[in-house]
Protein backbone atom coordinates (compact mmCIF):
# COMPACT_ATOMS: atom_id res chain seq x y z
CA MET A 1 -128.76 -241.46 156.13
CA VAL A 2 -125.33 -240.19 155.14
CA ARG A 3 -126.51 -239.75 151.57
CA VAL A 4 -129.52 -237.69 152.82
CA ILE A 5 -127.30 -235.38 154.87
CA ALA A 6 -124.89 -234.97 151.96
CA GLY A 7 -127.79 -234.11 149.67
CA VAL A 8 -129.10 -231.49 152.08
CA LEU A 9 -125.65 -229.92 152.39
CA ALA A 10 -125.27 -229.84 148.61
CA THR A 11 -128.64 -228.13 148.26
CA LEU A 12 -127.71 -225.53 150.88
CA LEU A 13 -124.40 -224.83 149.17
CA PHE A 14 -126.22 -224.42 145.84
CA LEU A 15 -128.71 -221.95 147.37
CA VAL A 16 -126.00 -219.98 149.14
CA SER A 17 -124.05 -219.65 145.90
CA TYR A 18 -127.05 -217.92 144.30
CA MET A 19 -127.99 -215.69 147.22
CA PRO A 20 -127.41 -212.01 146.45
CA VAL A 21 -124.41 -210.57 148.22
CA ALA A 22 -125.32 -207.61 150.42
CA ALA A 23 -124.02 -204.44 148.85
CA GLU A 24 -121.39 -202.60 150.83
CA PRO A 25 -122.53 -199.21 152.09
CA LYS A 26 -121.77 -196.57 149.51
CA ALA A 27 -119.12 -194.12 150.67
CA GLU A 28 -120.47 -190.60 150.94
CA ARG A 29 -118.97 -188.13 148.50
CA THR A 30 -116.86 -185.39 150.02
CA VAL A 31 -115.20 -182.29 148.64
CA ASN A 32 -112.55 -179.87 149.82
CA CYS A 33 -114.29 -176.52 150.09
CA VAL A 34 -111.16 -174.37 150.41
CA TYR A 35 -111.73 -170.88 149.02
CA PRO A 36 -109.94 -168.34 151.24
CA GLY A 37 -110.58 -165.12 149.37
CA GLU A 38 -111.46 -166.63 146.01
CA LEU A 39 -113.92 -165.28 143.46
CA LEU A 40 -117.33 -166.92 143.80
CA ALA A 41 -117.36 -167.93 140.12
CA SER A 42 -113.97 -169.66 140.42
CA ALA A 43 -115.04 -171.42 143.61
CA LEU A 44 -118.21 -172.74 142.00
CA ASN A 45 -116.32 -174.01 138.95
CA ASP A 46 -113.88 -175.83 141.22
CA PHE A 47 -116.70 -177.22 143.39
CA ALA A 48 -118.50 -178.55 140.32
CA GLY A 49 -115.25 -180.00 138.97
CA GLN A 50 -114.64 -181.98 142.17
CA LEU A 51 -118.05 -183.58 141.70
CA GLY A 52 -117.50 -184.25 138.02
CA TYR A 53 -120.35 -181.84 137.28
CA ARG A 54 -120.55 -178.51 135.47
CA PHE A 55 -121.37 -175.11 136.94
CA GLU A 56 -124.48 -173.58 135.36
CA PRO A 57 -124.94 -169.89 136.34
CA GLY A 58 -128.26 -169.54 134.48
CA ASP A 59 -129.81 -166.09 134.88
CA MET A 60 -126.87 -165.00 137.05
CA ALA A 61 -124.26 -165.43 134.32
CA ASP A 62 -123.50 -161.69 134.34
CA ALA A 63 -124.32 -161.01 137.99
CA TYR A 64 -121.83 -158.98 140.00
CA GLU A 65 -122.07 -161.52 142.85
CA LEU A 66 -120.01 -163.98 140.79
CA GLU A 67 -117.08 -161.55 140.84
CA ALA A 68 -117.22 -161.05 144.60
CA MET A 69 -114.89 -162.86 146.99
CA ILE A 70 -115.86 -165.58 149.44
CA TRP A 71 -113.88 -167.03 152.36
CA VAL A 72 -114.48 -170.70 153.18
CA HIS A 73 -112.14 -173.34 154.56
CA ALA A 74 -113.71 -176.78 155.04
CA LYS A 75 -112.05 -180.03 154.01
CA GLY A 76 -113.78 -183.36 153.50
CA VAL A 77 -117.36 -182.10 153.76
CA SER A 78 -120.43 -183.33 151.93
CA PRO A 79 -121.55 -181.51 148.76
CA ASP A 80 -124.66 -180.26 150.59
CA VAL A 81 -122.59 -178.73 153.39
CA ALA A 82 -120.19 -177.21 150.87
CA ALA A 83 -123.13 -175.65 149.01
CA GLN A 84 -124.43 -174.18 152.28
CA LEU A 85 -121.06 -172.66 153.22
CA ILE A 86 -120.46 -171.19 149.76
CA SER A 87 -124.01 -169.80 149.79
CA ALA A 88 -123.58 -168.20 153.21
CA SER A 89 -120.28 -166.55 152.29
CA GLY A 90 -121.43 -165.48 148.83
CA GLY A 91 -124.88 -164.19 149.75
CA VAL A 92 -126.56 -166.46 147.19
CA ILE A 93 -128.22 -169.88 147.09
CA VAL A 94 -126.07 -172.67 145.65
CA SER A 95 -127.58 -176.10 144.99
CA VAL A 96 -126.46 -179.40 143.51
CA ASP A 97 -128.60 -181.05 140.83
CA ASP A 98 -127.49 -184.70 140.79
CA THR A 99 -129.97 -185.62 138.06
CA ASN A 100 -128.51 -183.19 135.53
CA ARG A 101 -125.01 -183.27 137.10
CA THR A 102 -124.88 -179.50 137.55
CA VAL A 103 -124.16 -176.95 140.26
CA LEU A 104 -126.74 -174.15 140.20
CA ILE A 105 -126.90 -170.65 141.65
CA ARG A 106 -129.72 -168.19 142.26
CA GLU A 107 -130.37 -165.02 144.20
CA ILE A 108 -131.77 -165.13 147.71
CA ASP A 109 -135.49 -164.43 147.68
CA GLU A 110 -136.45 -163.27 151.18
CA GLU A 111 -140.13 -163.47 150.29
CA ALA A 112 -140.05 -167.10 149.19
CA PRO A 113 -138.30 -169.38 151.70
CA ALA A 114 -138.17 -173.08 150.92
CA ALA A 115 -141.42 -174.59 152.18
CA SER A 116 -140.86 -178.29 151.85
CA GLY A 117 -142.81 -179.55 154.82
CA VAL A 118 -145.46 -178.95 157.45
CA ARG A 119 -144.84 -179.75 161.09
CA SER A 120 -146.71 -179.12 164.32
CA PHE A 121 -145.33 -178.95 167.84
CA LYS A 122 -147.29 -179.59 171.03
CA THR A 123 -146.51 -176.88 173.57
CA ASP A 124 -148.59 -177.84 176.60
CA ALA A 125 -145.70 -177.92 179.08
CA LEU A 126 -144.17 -174.64 177.91
CA CYS A 127 -147.57 -172.91 177.89
CA LYS A 128 -148.18 -174.08 181.45
CA LEU A 129 -144.74 -172.78 182.46
CA TYR A 130 -145.50 -169.36 180.97
CA THR A 131 -149.01 -169.15 182.43
CA GLU A 132 -147.69 -169.94 185.90
CA TYR A 133 -145.05 -167.24 185.44
CA GLN A 134 -147.72 -164.70 184.46
CA LYS A 135 -149.89 -165.53 187.46
CA ARG A 136 -146.99 -164.92 189.82
CA TYR A 137 -144.91 -162.20 188.15
CA GLY A 138 -147.02 -160.72 185.32
CA MET A 139 -147.58 -156.97 185.50
CA VAL A 140 -150.96 -155.82 186.77
CA ALA A 141 -152.48 -152.59 185.46
CA GLU A 142 -153.44 -149.95 188.00
CA GLY A 143 -157.03 -150.35 189.09
CA GLY A 144 -157.16 -153.69 187.28
CA LEU A 145 -157.91 -151.91 183.98
CA GLN A 146 -156.12 -152.50 180.68
CA PRO A 147 -156.45 -150.59 177.39
CA ASP A 148 -158.61 -152.34 174.83
CA MET A 149 -155.89 -151.98 172.18
CA MET A 150 -153.18 -153.69 174.24
CA TYR A 151 -151.72 -156.82 172.64
CA ARG A 152 -152.52 -159.68 174.99
CA PRO A 153 -151.16 -162.89 173.43
CA THR A 154 -151.93 -166.38 174.65
CA ALA A 155 -149.03 -168.38 176.02
CA THR A 156 -148.80 -170.15 172.64
CA GLU A 157 -148.75 -166.89 170.68
CA GLU A 158 -146.04 -165.51 172.95
CA LEU A 159 -144.04 -168.71 172.41
CA ARG A 160 -144.44 -168.39 168.64
CA ASP A 161 -143.16 -164.81 168.77
CA ALA A 162 -140.23 -165.86 170.97
CA VAL A 163 -139.24 -168.72 168.64
CA GLU A 164 -139.34 -166.52 165.55
CA GLU A 165 -137.28 -163.82 167.28
CA ILE A 166 -134.66 -166.17 168.72
CA LEU A 167 -134.16 -168.04 165.44
CA GLN A 168 -134.68 -164.90 163.29
CA LEU A 169 -137.06 -166.76 160.98
CA GLY A 170 -138.17 -163.56 159.24
CA ASP A 171 -141.60 -162.23 158.37
CA SER A 172 -142.33 -164.70 155.57
CA ALA A 173 -143.94 -168.10 156.26
CA PRO A 174 -144.85 -167.30 159.90
CA GLY A 175 -145.94 -169.93 162.38
CA SER A 176 -149.51 -170.31 163.62
CA ALA A 177 -150.54 -170.66 167.25
CA VAL A 178 -153.48 -173.06 167.46
CA GLY A 179 -154.58 -173.85 170.98
CA MET A 180 -151.46 -175.31 172.60
CA ARG A 181 -149.80 -176.19 169.32
CA LEU A 182 -147.46 -174.39 166.90
CA VAL A 183 -147.72 -175.14 163.18
CA TYR A 184 -145.08 -174.21 160.59
CA THR A 185 -144.74 -174.65 156.82
CA ARG A 186 -141.05 -174.20 156.13
CA GLY A 187 -137.91 -175.95 154.93
CA THR A 188 -136.66 -179.00 156.80
CA ASP A 189 -133.69 -177.16 158.31
CA ASP A 190 -135.92 -174.46 159.80
CA LEU A 191 -138.37 -177.03 161.15
CA ASP A 192 -135.51 -178.89 162.82
CA ARG A 193 -134.26 -175.65 164.37
CA VAL A 194 -137.72 -174.86 165.75
CA GLY A 195 -138.01 -178.37 167.18
CA GLU A 196 -134.62 -178.17 168.85
CA LEU A 197 -135.32 -174.76 170.40
CA LEU A 198 -138.64 -175.93 171.85
CA GLN A 199 -136.98 -179.05 173.22
CA VAL A 200 -134.19 -177.05 174.88
CA MET A 201 -136.63 -174.48 176.28
CA GLY A 202 -138.71 -177.23 177.83
CA ALA A 203 -135.79 -179.18 179.31
CA ALA A 204 -135.16 -179.01 183.03
CA GLY A 205 -132.67 -176.22 183.57
CA GLY A 206 -132.64 -175.23 179.90
CA GLY A 207 -129.52 -176.17 177.95
CA GLU A 208 -127.42 -175.62 174.85
CA SER A 209 -128.20 -176.02 171.17
CA SER A 210 -126.35 -178.69 169.21
CA GLN A 211 -124.55 -175.99 167.19
CA LEU A 212 -123.26 -174.41 170.40
CA GLN A 213 -121.86 -177.77 171.45
CA VAL A 214 -120.17 -178.11 168.05
CA ASP A 215 -118.83 -174.59 168.54
CA ARG A 216 -117.21 -175.68 171.81
CA ALA A 217 -115.60 -178.70 170.17
CA TYR A 218 -114.15 -176.60 167.34
CA ARG A 219 -112.75 -173.97 169.68
CA GLU A 220 -111.10 -176.70 171.75
CA LYS A 221 -109.32 -177.84 168.59
CA LEU A 222 -108.18 -174.30 167.81
CA ALA A 223 -106.92 -173.96 171.38
CA LYS A 224 -104.49 -176.84 170.75
CA VAL A 225 -102.85 -175.17 167.73
CA HIS A 226 -99.80 -172.91 168.18
CA SER A 227 -97.61 -171.16 165.64
CA SER A 228 -95.50 -168.06 165.12
CA PHE A 229 -96.73 -165.75 162.41
CA GLY A 230 -97.28 -162.12 161.50
CA GLY A 231 -95.72 -158.79 162.17
CA GLU A 232 -96.30 -155.16 161.42
CA GLY A 233 -98.93 -154.69 158.71
CA THR A 234 -99.93 -158.35 158.33
CA LEU A 235 -102.90 -158.82 156.03
CA VAL A 236 -106.08 -159.97 157.74
CA SER A 237 -106.50 -162.57 154.99
CA ALA A 238 -103.03 -163.98 155.67
CA LEU A 239 -103.69 -164.27 159.41
CA LEU A 240 -107.03 -165.96 158.84
CA TRP A 241 -105.35 -168.52 156.59
CA GLN A 242 -102.64 -169.18 159.20
CA LEU A 243 -105.25 -169.61 161.94
CA PHE A 244 -107.18 -172.36 160.16
CA LYS A 245 -104.97 -174.01 157.53
CA ASP A 246 -103.50 -176.62 159.88
CA CYS A 247 -106.69 -177.38 161.82
CA ASP A 248 -109.64 -179.51 160.69
CA VAL A 249 -112.17 -176.92 161.83
CA PRO A 250 -114.59 -175.84 159.07
CA VAL A 251 -115.03 -172.08 158.97
CA TYR A 252 -116.53 -169.41 156.76
CA VAL A 253 -116.91 -165.65 156.70
CA ASP A 254 -120.55 -164.61 156.44
CA HIS A 255 -121.53 -162.57 153.37
CA ALA A 256 -122.28 -159.38 155.33
CA GLN A 257 -118.87 -159.59 156.99
CA MET A 258 -117.21 -160.23 153.62
CA GLU A 259 -118.62 -156.90 152.48
CA SER A 260 -116.88 -155.25 155.45
CA PHE A 261 -113.53 -156.96 154.88
CA ASP A 262 -111.05 -155.84 152.26
CA LEU A 263 -108.91 -158.95 152.08
CA GLU A 264 -106.45 -157.32 149.69
CA TYR A 265 -105.58 -154.34 151.89
CA ASP A 266 -106.92 -154.71 155.45
CA THR A 267 -104.11 -155.28 157.94
CA THR A 268 -103.97 -156.41 161.54
CA ASP A 269 -101.75 -155.87 164.56
CA VAL A 270 -102.58 -159.35 165.87
CA THR A 271 -99.61 -161.71 165.74
CA LEU A 272 -99.12 -165.35 166.62
CA ASP A 273 -96.50 -166.81 168.92
CA ASN A 274 -96.13 -170.20 170.51
CA SER A 275 -97.13 -168.93 173.96
CA HIS A 276 -100.68 -168.24 172.74
CA ASN A 277 -103.01 -170.57 170.89
CA HIS A 278 -104.98 -169.92 167.71
CA TYR A 279 -108.28 -169.63 169.55
CA GLU A 280 -106.98 -166.76 171.67
CA ALA A 281 -105.68 -165.07 168.51
CA LEU A 282 -109.04 -165.51 166.78
CA LEU A 283 -110.84 -163.75 169.63
CA GLU A 284 -108.24 -160.97 169.60
CA LEU A 285 -108.72 -160.55 165.85
CA ALA A 286 -112.51 -160.51 166.32
CA ARG A 287 -112.23 -157.68 168.85
CA GLU A 288 -109.87 -155.72 166.62
CA GLN A 289 -111.88 -156.18 163.41
CA ASP A 290 -115.27 -155.93 165.14
CA PHE A 291 -116.78 -159.30 164.21
CA PHE A 292 -118.25 -162.19 166.19
CA VAL A 293 -117.82 -165.95 166.15
CA ASP A 294 -120.48 -168.62 166.47
CA CYS A 295 -121.48 -171.83 164.71
CA LYS A 296 -123.90 -172.37 161.83
CA HIS A 297 -124.18 -175.05 159.13
CA GLY A 298 -121.82 -177.14 161.25
CA ALA A 299 -118.97 -174.65 160.79
CA LEU A 300 -117.54 -171.70 162.67
CA ARG A 301 -119.04 -168.49 161.32
CA LEU A 302 -117.37 -165.08 161.39
CA HIS A 303 -120.12 -162.45 161.18
CA GLU A 304 -120.89 -158.83 161.95
CA ASP A 305 -123.81 -159.06 164.39
CA PHE A 306 -126.02 -161.46 166.34
CA PHE A 307 -129.22 -160.75 164.44
CA VAL A 308 -128.54 -162.96 161.45
CA GLY A 309 -130.29 -166.23 162.23
CA SER A 310 -127.84 -168.03 164.49
CA SER A 311 -128.41 -171.65 165.47
CA SER A 312 -126.04 -171.26 168.41
CA PHE A 313 -127.82 -170.44 171.66
CA ARG A 314 -128.24 -171.35 175.30
CA VAL A 315 -131.44 -171.27 177.33
CA PHE A 316 -131.17 -170.41 181.03
CA ASP A 317 -133.80 -171.26 183.64
CA VAL A 318 -133.93 -168.29 186.04
CA ALA A 319 -136.93 -169.40 188.13
CA GLU A 320 -134.90 -169.47 191.35
CA VAL A 321 -133.49 -165.99 190.67
CA LEU A 322 -137.03 -164.69 190.18
CA ALA A 323 -138.14 -166.21 193.48
CA GLN A 324 -135.25 -164.50 195.29
CA LEU A 325 -135.94 -161.18 193.56
CA GLU A 326 -139.57 -161.42 194.63
CA LYS A 327 -138.41 -161.49 198.26
CA ASP A 328 -135.81 -158.77 197.67
CA TYR A 329 -138.29 -156.30 196.21
CA ALA A 330 -140.79 -157.06 198.96
CA ASP A 331 -138.10 -156.14 201.49
CA LEU A 332 -137.25 -152.98 199.53
CA LYS A 333 -140.84 -151.77 199.55
CA THR A 334 -141.59 -148.81 201.80
CA GLU A 335 -144.87 -147.71 203.31
CA ASP A 336 -147.25 -146.01 200.91
CA GLN A 337 -147.16 -142.72 202.76
CA VAL A 338 -143.40 -142.39 202.16
CA PHE A 339 -143.45 -139.98 199.22
CA GLU A 340 -140.01 -140.82 197.80
CA GLY A 341 -140.10 -144.45 198.81
CA PHE A 342 -140.32 -147.56 196.65
CA HIS A 343 -143.93 -148.67 196.40
CA GLY A 344 -143.65 -151.42 193.83
CA ASP A 345 -142.67 -155.09 193.68
CA LEU A 346 -141.14 -157.51 191.19
CA ARG A 347 -144.35 -157.44 189.15
CA SER A 348 -144.29 -153.67 188.77
CA GLU A 349 -140.58 -153.75 187.91
CA GLY A 350 -141.22 -156.06 184.95
CA GLY A 351 -140.67 -159.55 186.32
CA VAL A 352 -138.04 -161.42 184.27
CA GLN A 353 -137.26 -158.22 182.38
CA VAL A 354 -135.32 -157.07 185.47
CA ILE A 355 -132.87 -159.92 184.82
CA VAL A 356 -132.82 -159.42 181.03
CA ASP A 357 -132.08 -155.69 181.35
CA ALA A 358 -129.23 -156.24 183.81
CA LEU A 359 -127.81 -159.06 181.71
CA SER A 360 -127.92 -156.85 178.60
CA VAL A 361 -126.06 -154.01 180.32
CA GLN A 362 -123.33 -156.25 181.70
CA LEU A 363 -122.80 -158.03 178.38
CA GLU A 364 -122.52 -154.67 176.63
CA ASN A 365 -119.91 -153.68 179.22
CA ALA A 366 -117.96 -156.77 178.10
CA GLY A 367 -118.25 -155.80 174.43
CA PHE A 368 -121.20 -158.04 173.51
CA SER A 369 -124.66 -157.09 172.28
CA PRO A 370 -126.35 -160.46 171.72
CA LEU A 371 -129.98 -161.18 171.11
CA LEU A 372 -131.70 -161.90 174.44
CA ARG A 373 -135.26 -163.18 174.62
CA ALA A 374 -137.24 -164.27 177.66
CA TYR A 375 -140.23 -166.60 177.74
CA GLY A 376 -141.50 -166.71 181.30
CA PRO A 377 -138.65 -167.96 183.52
CA ARG A 378 -136.54 -169.01 180.50
CA ILE A 379 -133.99 -166.66 178.91
CA ALA A 380 -132.40 -167.50 175.56
CA VAL A 381 -128.97 -166.01 174.82
CA VAL A 382 -128.05 -166.21 171.14
CA GLY A 383 -124.37 -166.33 170.21
CA GLY A 384 -121.16 -168.29 170.34
CA MET A 385 -119.42 -169.96 173.24
CA ASP A 386 -117.67 -166.80 174.45
CA VAL A 387 -120.99 -164.91 174.59
CA VAL A 388 -123.08 -167.53 176.37
CA ASP A 389 -120.31 -168.33 178.84
CA ARG A 390 -120.01 -164.67 179.76
CA ALA A 391 -123.80 -164.55 180.13
CA ALA A 392 -123.57 -167.50 182.52
CA GLU A 393 -121.00 -165.61 184.61
CA VAL A 394 -123.25 -162.55 184.78
CA LEU A 395 -126.28 -164.63 185.75
CA GLU A 396 -124.28 -166.41 188.45
CA ALA A 397 -123.41 -162.99 189.85
CA MET A 398 -127.19 -162.39 190.12
CA GLY A 399 -127.72 -165.63 192.03
CA TRP A 400 -128.34 -168.13 189.20
CA LYS A 401 -126.98 -171.59 189.87
CA PRO A 402 -126.27 -173.94 186.95
CA ILE A 403 -127.50 -177.50 187.09
CA ARG A 404 -124.45 -179.73 187.21
CA ALA A 405 -123.92 -182.53 184.69
CA ASN A 406 -124.80 -185.24 187.19
CA GLU A 407 -128.09 -183.46 187.90
CA GLY A 408 -129.29 -183.99 184.34
CA GLU A 409 -129.03 -180.56 182.74
CA GLY A 410 -131.03 -180.50 179.52
CA LYS A 411 -128.97 -180.30 176.35
């Protein structure tokens, strides 16, 4: 019996010795994408060198874009993220070809977006939400008549239009509204953005996009950094470097904003001192230099306006505000024979547009002009943390009440 057991153990040891050892997970490659005011060509050569690849400009070998400056500061990011940030700051499309070990560049072709996949989204719940809104608050034409040429979209078509406006998907590769389903043929990133927006719009109470939540996390890091720097005639480029060099927050200046900056000569009156943090200084610089801050590609983005395809947004559910306004306008209504009286109601005033218009005015008063888009009782505010938080304050002043965390606000 002992010999049998010993034989079995020997056999097991023999088998174990020849079993393949599980390979350890391969560490993801990272690069330091630090190009604060560097020529695009130099940045791409450095980027390729970090990968052990070569930069191949191809048809753009003599393009003026290669001699333009970019501003990116992101350490320890993946090659794909680095390519996205360099592309966004340079106004080109940079890609990594691992097969041929090259870094490639090409011009942006607005008419030919990457169409790598097809995806459909069921929209039953959102369509029902919009239809119920229309039945209660939709405008009614006088005498029940409507012009034959009036655009009267289905709830799905209106949702498609809202999605494309909020995400600024452009005119090429539009979505299709089929029954209660949206169908898109686009790149994976765009499809993911559409899916996230629809999910947030359909969540109870609305919620924030993932990029807005990343935005919050980055700004919290900046708020913990203090330093003393600057003085009369400090270069904008020098202050930007000081703001981000000691903080692991990835950041880039969007191409359109780079065209507005002159990093060699533009100066700023913003200074740093230890009583104020770097986040406060960034907002002060943004006001002075007339740019905005949000989050895209997983990095803070400095850009010139809100209509450039942001992934940072918050959706507000204003159903309760609409219900209160319905009562308010009913109480404001005067008898029909009063010539100068108010004879309308919330429907005639535009329904949710009453809230959107007021929100727009008050945000403009605060120095913001973000993209606002309503879909029934949902209002999407596109922009960074400072914009959406101010929008929340304005909406609260109108009677909106946020759903608290323990009440399950949709994110």
